[in-house]
Amino acid sequence: MNCAFCAELLSQERGGLVGPGIAICTECIHETNPSHGPFSMAHPQRRFGWTLAHLDVDAVELLDSETLRHELEATKSIAAPLNAFIDAAEKRLNGDPTWRSAHDSHIHRHANDVVFANGVTVNARSFVASDPYARKQPADFGMYFDRAWSPPWPHEHIDWPDFGVPANSPLFVASCRALLARARDGEAVEIGCLGGHGRTGTALAVLALLADPTLDRNSAVEWVRSNYCDRAVETEAQATFVHTLNILPVSVASASALLLLLDEVETEMKALGLWAASAEYDLPHMSAVNFMQFHLFDRRRALLWSGTLPTMESDNTALTADMSYELKDRTDSSKLIRLLSEFDTQVSTQHGEM
């Protein structure tokens, strides 16, 4: 959703308040505080031509036509759900029984079958609080991005904050691959968050990339907006997540071989005293290697477990280069260097075959 006052997309980093059809970002809230005192919806930051409940006639007169037209469209978009709320509330308070039917059809909900390039179908849904699990036929499996979901059929939850991105991208990619495999086997599968746009739209973009290796990462978001909903993928952070995600596939056999090599590397590092318990991080730690290098080593393992091939672009340099400084003065590291080189060579070879 866009901030009503600066028009910037709300994101996990930007934050803010979201109301019935209107959003205010944290920066605008902070900007309002010094000039108007504590923030309230009654005293927002000014926009061109208006503040809440006040018309700025001078601004309307002085604005050029292009800016005024843009502001008119933005204001209509902001005002529409607020006007609908006012109308529904007044009708309900006046005892008009048509208040719900007059507006229910305008609520933007999803229960869409999305068909991917490989012929696999995934149902994408909004969470309907009044009856969230009403189906003609129950799903065989669901993958959900909000804890509001607790259906009676088998399912899993992905740790994913609203307006944000998955907390564990390799685990998320692995879950997406498993979901597509279920769908290929004929199971009825579905995904959902709350509104069905941000997290669900982002997941659909990743599923589209997994289903069609020829689909460009920079085109995946537009594919979802064309084939599902033009509101899908709500924030810049979510779009960036799709554009930069490493999902190069690796076969089970190749992943297993690379994981065995990483195990051998770990064993040899322990033998050389390069890997020890660290109370500071409370996890295995390379005593002679900084924490970021350990993280990159461990990330390679997580990627392989998810069925994804590590890349030099997203996973820093090759393992051999990662360890070159720590090993340059050692005379007992020939085996470790050979293992590191073998791992890097196998990864590089598989990239060359794609």
Protein backbone atom coordinates (compact mmCIF):
# COMPACT_ATOMS: atom_id res chain seq x y z
CA MET A 1 0.00 0.00 0.00
CA ASN A 2 1.18 3.56 -0.69
CA CYS A 3 1.48 6.26 1.95
CA ALA A 4 -1.41 8.72 1.52
CA PHE A 5 0.87 11.72 1.95
CA CYS A 6 4.18 11.03 0.24
CA ALA A 7 2.86 8.25 -2.08
CA GLU A 8 5.84 5.99 -1.25
CA LEU A 9 5.25 2.25 -0.92
CA LEU A 10 5.12 1.02 2.65
CA SER A 11 7.75 -1.64 3.28
CA GLN A 12 9.12 -3.64 6.18
CA GLU A 13 11.88 -1.05 6.55
CA ARG A 14 9.67 2.02 6.05
CA GLY A 15 6.80 0.88 8.30
CA GLY A 16 3.77 2.94 9.22
CA LEU A 17 0.08 2.76 10.06
CA VAL A 18 -2.52 1.08 7.86
CA GLY A 19 -6.21 1.87 8.24
CA PRO A 20 -9.37 1.11 6.24
CA GLY A 21 -8.03 2.00 2.81
CA ILE A 22 -5.44 4.53 3.93
CA ALA A 23 -1.80 4.16 4.96
CA ILE A 24 0.65 6.60 6.57
CA CYS A 25 4.37 5.82 6.49
CA THR A 26 6.63 6.30 9.53
CA GLU A 27 8.55 9.14 7.89
CA CYS A 28 5.37 11.17 7.38
CA ILE A 29 4.27 10.45 10.94
CA HIS A 30 7.61 11.75 12.22
CA GLU A 31 7.43 14.79 9.94
CA THR A 32 3.98 15.60 11.26
CA ASN A 33 4.88 15.37 14.96
CA PRO A 34 7.05 18.54 15.24
CA SER A 35 4.55 20.76 13.41
CA HIS A 36 1.25 19.42 14.70
CA GLY A 37 2.07 17.69 17.98
CA PRO A 38 1.30 13.97 18.49
CA PHE A 39 0.23 12.31 15.26
CA SER A 40 -3.47 11.72 14.66
CA MET A 41 -5.59 11.01 11.61
CA ALA A 42 -7.24 14.39 12.20
CA HIS A 43 -3.99 16.27 11.58
CA PRO A 44 -2.01 14.62 8.76
CA GLN A 45 0.78 16.13 6.77
CA ARG A 46 -0.49 18.35 3.95
CA ARG A 47 -0.91 17.11 0.41
CA PHE A 48 -1.26 19.34 -2.61
CA GLY A 49 -4.65 21.01 -2.39
CA TRP A 50 -6.00 19.48 0.82
CA THR A 51 -5.58 18.38 4.37
CA LEU A 52 -8.12 16.13 6.02
CA ALA A 53 -11.52 17.93 6.04
CA HIS A 54 -9.97 21.13 4.64
CA LEU A 55 -9.74 22.33 1.05
CA ASP A 56 -6.69 24.39 0.13
CA VAL A 57 -8.25 26.61 -2.55
CA ASP A 58 -5.00 28.49 -3.22
CA ALA A 59 -3.15 25.26 -3.98
CA VAL A 60 -5.92 24.07 -6.29
CA GLU A 61 -5.73 27.34 -8.19
CA LEU A 62 -1.94 27.40 -8.43
CA LEU A 63 -1.24 23.75 -9.29
CA ASP A 64 -0.36 22.95 -12.89
CA SER A 65 -2.83 20.69 -14.72
CA GLU A 66 -0.63 17.58 -14.71
CA THR A 67 0.02 17.73 -10.95
CA LEU A 68 -3.64 18.51 -10.23
CA ARG A 69 -4.78 15.57 -12.38
CA HIS A 70 -2.34 13.23 -10.61
CA GLU A 71 -3.48 14.49 -7.20
CA LEU A 72 -7.14 14.04 -8.16
CA GLU A 73 -6.59 10.39 -9.11
CA ALA A 74 -4.55 9.73 -5.96
CA THR A 75 -7.21 11.35 -3.77
CA LYS A 76 -10.02 9.39 -5.44
CA SER A 77 -8.11 6.17 -4.71
CA ILE A 78 -7.63 7.17 -1.05
CA ALA A 79 -11.20 8.43 -0.63
CA ALA A 80 -13.04 5.50 -2.24
CA PRO A 81 -12.75 3.00 0.63
CA LEU A 82 -13.32 5.76 3.20
CA ASN A 83 -16.50 6.85 1.40
CA ALA A 84 -17.61 3.23 1.26
CA PHE A 85 -17.02 2.90 5.02
CA ILE A 86 -19.04 6.08 5.72
CA ASP A 87 -21.91 4.85 3.55
CA ALA A 88 -21.93 1.34 5.09
CA ALA A 89 -21.69 2.68 8.67
CA GLU A 90 -24.50 5.19 8.16
CA LYS A 91 -26.77 2.57 6.57
CA ARG A 92 -26.12 0.08 9.35
CA LEU A 93 -26.73 2.69 12.09
CA ASN A 94 -29.96 3.69 10.36
CA GLY A 95 -31.12 0.06 10.29
CA ASP A 96 -30.86 -0.33 6.50
CA PRO A 97 -30.62 -4.12 5.88
CA THR A 98 -28.97 -3.59 2.47
CA TRP A 99 -25.79 -2.10 3.92
CA ARG A 100 -23.74 -5.29 3.54
CA SER A 101 -25.02 -6.45 0.15
CA ALA A 102 -24.41 -2.96 -1.25
CA HIS A 103 -20.69 -3.18 -0.47
CA ASP A 104 -19.75 -6.85 -0.15
CA SER A 105 -19.27 -7.25 -3.90
CA HIS A 106 -16.61 -4.52 -3.88
CA ILE A 107 -14.35 -6.29 -1.39
CA HIS A 108 -11.28 -7.44 -3.26
CA ARG A 109 -10.91 -11.12 -2.40
CA HIS A 110 -9.16 -13.97 -4.15
CA ALA A 111 -9.84 -17.64 -4.64
CA ASN A 112 -8.04 -17.95 -7.97
CA ASP A 113 -6.56 -20.94 -9.75
CA VAL A 114 -3.20 -19.87 -11.17
CA VAL A 115 -1.87 -22.08 -13.97
CA PHE A 116 1.90 -22.00 -14.49
CA ALA A 117 3.92 -22.62 -17.64
CA ASN A 118 4.46 -26.31 -16.78
CA GLY A 119 0.69 -26.89 -16.51
CA VAL A 120 0.65 -27.05 -12.70
CA THR A 121 -2.23 -25.30 -10.91
CA VAL A 122 -2.03 -23.59 -7.51
CA ASN A 123 -5.04 -21.93 -5.87
CA ALA A 124 -4.26 -18.50 -4.37
CA ARG A 125 -6.63 -17.20 -1.71
CA SER A 126 -7.45 -14.30 0.55
CA PHE A 127 -8.30 -15.01 4.18
CA VAL A 128 -12.07 -14.53 4.67
CA ALA A 129 -12.48 -14.28 8.44
CA SER A 130 -16.23 -15.03 8.42
CA ASP A 131 -15.72 -18.48 6.86
CA PRO A 132 -12.07 -19.03 5.88
CA TYR A 133 -12.29 -22.75 5.04
CA ALA A 134 -15.48 -22.91 2.99
CA ARG A 135 -14.63 -24.87 -0.16
CA LYS A 136 -16.55 -26.95 -2.65
CA GLN A 137 -13.79 -29.45 -2.05
CA PRO A 138 -11.16 -29.17 0.71
CA ALA A 139 -7.54 -28.68 -0.26
CA ASP A 140 -5.12 -31.58 -0.01
CA PHE A 141 -2.39 -29.27 1.22
CA GLY A 142 -1.90 -25.58 1.97
CA MET A 143 1.09 -23.29 2.38
CA TYR A 144 0.23 -20.13 4.32
CA PHE A 145 2.10 -16.94 5.13
CA ASP A 146 0.04 -15.77 8.08
CA ARG A 147 -0.80 -17.48 11.38
CA ALA A 148 -4.48 -16.56 10.94
CA TRP A 149 -4.71 -19.72 8.84
CA SER A 150 -5.38 -22.96 10.72
CA PRO A 151 -7.30 -25.20 8.28
CA PRO A 152 -8.40 -28.78 8.97
CA TRP A 153 -6.28 -30.16 6.10
CA PRO A 154 -2.46 -30.69 6.08
CA HIS A 155 -0.58 -27.41 5.84
CA GLU A 156 2.56 -25.49 6.74
CA HIS A 157 3.24 -21.92 7.82
CA ILE A 158 6.06 -19.84 6.36
CA ASP A 159 7.59 -17.23 8.68
CA TRP A 160 6.87 -14.07 6.70
CA PRO A 161 5.98 -10.61 8.12
CA ASP A 162 3.27 -8.59 6.41
CA PHE A 163 4.76 -6.20 3.81
CA GLY A 164 8.08 -8.04 4.18
CA VAL A 165 9.88 -11.05 2.71
CA PRO A 166 10.37 -14.64 3.95
CA ALA A 167 12.57 -14.88 7.03
CA ASN A 168 14.38 -17.93 5.59
CA SER A 169 14.61 -17.81 1.81
CA PRO A 170 16.23 -21.25 1.25
CA LEU A 171 13.54 -22.88 3.39
CA PHE A 172 10.85 -20.95 1.53
CA VAL A 173 12.24 -22.03 -1.86
CA ALA A 174 12.36 -25.64 -0.68
CA SER A 175 8.70 -25.39 0.41
CA CYS A 176 7.76 -23.92 -2.98
CA ARG A 177 9.47 -26.79 -4.81
CA ALA A 178 7.63 -29.30 -2.59
CA LEU A 179 4.30 -27.55 -3.22
CA LEU A 180 4.79 -27.72 -7.00
CA ALA A 181 5.69 -31.41 -6.71
CA ARG A 182 2.42 -32.04 -4.85
CA ALA A 183 0.49 -30.20 -7.55
CA ARG A 184 2.27 -32.17 -10.30
CA ASP A 185 1.18 -35.36 -8.53
CA GLY A 186 -2.45 -34.27 -8.76
CA GLU A 187 -3.01 -32.82 -5.28
CA ALA A 188 -5.21 -29.75 -4.80
CA VAL A 189 -2.83 -27.22 -3.27
CA GLU A 190 -3.35 -23.64 -2.19
CA ILE A 191 -1.46 -20.68 -0.76
CA GLY A 192 -2.61 -17.58 1.10
CA CYS A 193 -1.71 -14.69 3.39
CA LEU A 194 -4.45 -12.23 4.45
CA GLY A 195 -5.43 -9.97 1.56
CA GLY A 196 -3.87 -12.25 -1.02
CA HIS A 197 -1.67 -9.61 -2.64
CA GLY A 198 1.72 -8.94 -1.04
CA ARG A 199 3.00 -12.22 0.35
CA THR A 200 0.78 -14.40 -1.84
CA GLY A 201 1.70 -12.45 -4.97
CA THR A 202 5.40 -12.69 -4.15
CA ALA A 203 5.09 -16.45 -3.60
CA LEU A 204 3.31 -16.82 -6.95
CA ALA A 205 6.20 -14.99 -8.66
CA VAL A 206 8.70 -17.43 -7.11
CA LEU A 207 6.51 -20.41 -8.07
CA ALA A 208 6.35 -19.05 -11.63
CA LEU A 209 10.16 -18.94 -11.76
CA LEU A 210 10.44 -22.49 -10.44
CA ALA A 211 7.81 -23.74 -12.89
CA ASP A 212 9.46 -22.06 -15.89
CA PRO A 213 13.28 -21.86 -15.87
CA THR A 214 13.14 -19.67 -19.01
CA LEU A 215 11.14 -16.94 -17.24
CA ASP A 216 13.35 -13.94 -16.50
CA ARG A 217 13.48 -12.95 -12.81
CA ASN A 218 12.80 -9.33 -13.72
CA SER A 219 9.60 -10.38 -15.55
CA ALA A 220 8.16 -12.64 -12.85
CA VAL A 221 6.33 -9.89 -10.94
CA GLU A 222 4.67 -8.61 -14.12
CA TRP A 223 3.70 -12.19 -15.01
CA VAL A 224 1.85 -12.51 -11.71
CA ARG A 225 0.17 -9.13 -12.10
CA SER A 226 -1.02 -10.15 -15.57
CA ASN A 227 -2.08 -13.70 -14.69
CA TYR A 228 -3.40 -13.21 -11.16
CA CYS A 229 -3.97 -9.64 -9.94
CA ASP A 230 -2.56 -6.22 -10.83
CA ARG A 231 -2.22 -5.48 -7.10
CA ALA A 232 0.08 -8.45 -6.48
CA VAL A 233 3.52 -7.88 -4.87
CA GLU A 234 2.86 -4.81 -2.76
CA THR A 235 6.26 -3.46 -1.70
CA GLU A 236 9.63 -2.67 -3.21
CA ALA A 237 11.23 -5.14 -0.81
CA GLN A 238 9.02 -7.94 -2.13
CA ALA A 239 9.76 -7.09 -5.77
CA THR A 240 13.50 -6.93 -5.01
CA PHE A 241 13.28 -10.30 -3.26
CA VAL A 242 11.92 -11.86 -6.47
CA HIS A 243 14.39 -10.05 -8.75
CA THR A 244 17.45 -11.14 -6.74
CA LEU A 245 16.41 -14.59 -5.50
CA ASN A 246 18.82 -17.43 -6.26
CA ILE A 247 16.74 -20.39 -7.46
CA LEU A 248 19.12 -22.14 -9.84
CA PRO A 249 18.00 -25.78 -9.54
CA VAL A 250 20.33 -28.59 -8.56
CA SER A 251 19.50 -32.28 -8.85
CA VAL A 252 19.08 -34.40 -5.73
CA ALA A 253 22.16 -36.45 -6.68
CA SER A 254 24.31 -33.35 -7.25
CA ALA A 255 23.09 -31.67 -4.08
CA SER A 256 23.85 -34.82 -2.08
CA ALA A 257 27.38 -35.00 -3.49
CA LEU A 258 28.03 -31.32 -2.69
CA LEU A 259 26.62 -31.70 0.83
CA LEU A 260 28.94 -34.68 1.44
CA LEU A 261 31.86 -32.51 0.30
CA LEU A 262 30.83 -29.77 2.75
CA ASP A 263 30.72 -32.38 5.52
CA GLU A 264 34.26 -33.44 4.61
CA VAL A 265 35.36 -29.80 4.63
CA GLU A 266 33.88 -29.33 8.09
CA THR A 267 35.58 -32.49 9.40
CA GLU A 268 38.96 -31.40 8.06
CA MET A 269 38.57 -27.88 9.44
CA LYS A 270 37.84 -29.31 12.88
CA ALA A 271 40.94 -31.50 12.58
CA LEU A 272 43.03 -28.40 11.81
CA GLY A 273 41.53 -26.44 14.70
CA LEU A 274 39.74 -24.01 12.39
CA TRP A 275 36.28 -24.86 13.67
CA ALA A 276 35.35 -24.60 17.33
CA ALA A 277 32.33 -23.96 19.54
CA SER A 278 31.66 -20.27 20.00
CA ALA A 279 29.87 -19.13 23.14
CA GLU A 280 29.41 -15.69 21.59
CA TYR A 281 27.25 -17.00 18.73
CA ASP A 282 26.12 -20.24 20.38
CA LEU A 283 26.66 -22.20 17.18
CA PRO A 284 29.56 -23.93 15.38
CA HIS A 285 32.09 -21.27 14.54
CA MET A 286 35.36 -21.18 12.62
CA SER A 287 37.69 -19.79 15.25
CA ALA A 288 40.16 -18.50 12.65
CA VAL A 289 37.45 -17.21 10.31
CA ASN A 290 35.18 -14.27 10.91
CA PHE A 291 31.47 -14.80 11.53
CA MET A 292 30.40 -13.57 8.09
CA GLN A 293 32.54 -16.22 6.42
CA PHE A 294 30.95 -18.90 8.60
CA HIS A 295 27.52 -17.56 7.65
CA LEU A 296 28.39 -17.81 3.95
CA PHE A 297 29.66 -21.36 4.41
CA ASP A 298 26.50 -22.36 6.25
CA ARG A 299 24.33 -20.59 3.65
CA ARG A 300 25.76 -22.84 0.93
CA ARG A 301 24.59 -25.85 2.93
CA ALA A 302 21.11 -24.34 3.42
CA LEU A 303 20.80 -23.59 -0.29
CA LEU A 304 21.73 -27.16 -1.23
CA TRP A 305 19.19 -28.54 1.23
CA SER A 306 16.56 -26.38 -0.49
CA GLY A 307 17.50 -27.79 -3.90
CA THR A 308 19.20 -24.57 -4.99
CA LEU A 309 22.67 -24.23 -6.49
CA PRO A 310 24.94 -21.65 -4.78
CA THR A 311 26.08 -18.76 -6.97
CA MET A 312 29.10 -16.50 -6.76
CA GLU A 313 26.80 -13.49 -7.25
CA SER A 314 24.58 -14.07 -4.19
CA ASP A 315 26.88 -16.25 -2.06
CA ASN A 316 30.07 -14.21 -2.18
CA THR A 317 33.23 -15.81 -3.55
CA ALA A 318 34.26 -19.43 -3.97
CA LEU A 319 35.02 -21.44 -0.83
CA THR A 320 38.71 -21.56 -1.74
CA ALA A 321 38.88 -17.75 -1.89
CA ASP A 322 36.92 -17.47 1.38
CA MET A 323 39.59 -19.50 3.16
CA SER A 324 42.72 -18.32 1.33
CA TYR A 325 43.88 -15.85 3.98
CA GLU A 326 43.51 -18.30 6.87
CA LEU A 327 45.38 -21.06 5.01
CA LYS A 328 48.19 -19.11 3.35
CA ASP A 329 50.82 -19.79 6.07
CA ARG A 330 49.79 -23.35 6.93
CA THR A 331 51.71 -26.40 5.80
CA ASP A 332 49.11 -28.97 6.85
CA SER A 333 46.16 -27.78 4.78
CA SER A 334 46.68 -29.57 1.45
CA LYS A 335 43.72 -31.91 1.99
CA LEU A 336 41.42 -29.05 2.97
CA ILE A 337 42.51 -26.98 -0.04
CA ARG A 338 41.81 -29.97 -2.31
CA LEU A 339 38.31 -30.40 -0.84
CA LEU A 340 37.53 -26.69 -1.14
CA SER A 341 38.74 -26.65 -4.73
CA GLU A 342 36.72 -29.76 -5.57
CA PHE A 343 33.55 -28.17 -4.17
CA ASP A 344 34.09 -24.96 -6.16
CA THR A 345 34.86 -26.89 -9.34
CA GLN A 346 31.68 -28.97 -9.08
CA VAL A 347 29.54 -25.86 -8.50
CA SER A 348 31.22 -24.06 -11.42
CA THR A 349 30.76 -27.10 -13.69
CA GLN A 350 27.04 -27.27 -12.93
CA HIS A 351 26.65 -23.56 -13.66
CA GLY A 352 28.31 -24.16 -17.01
CA GLU A 353 25.83 -26.94 -17.83
CA MET A 354 22.80 -24.62 -17.32
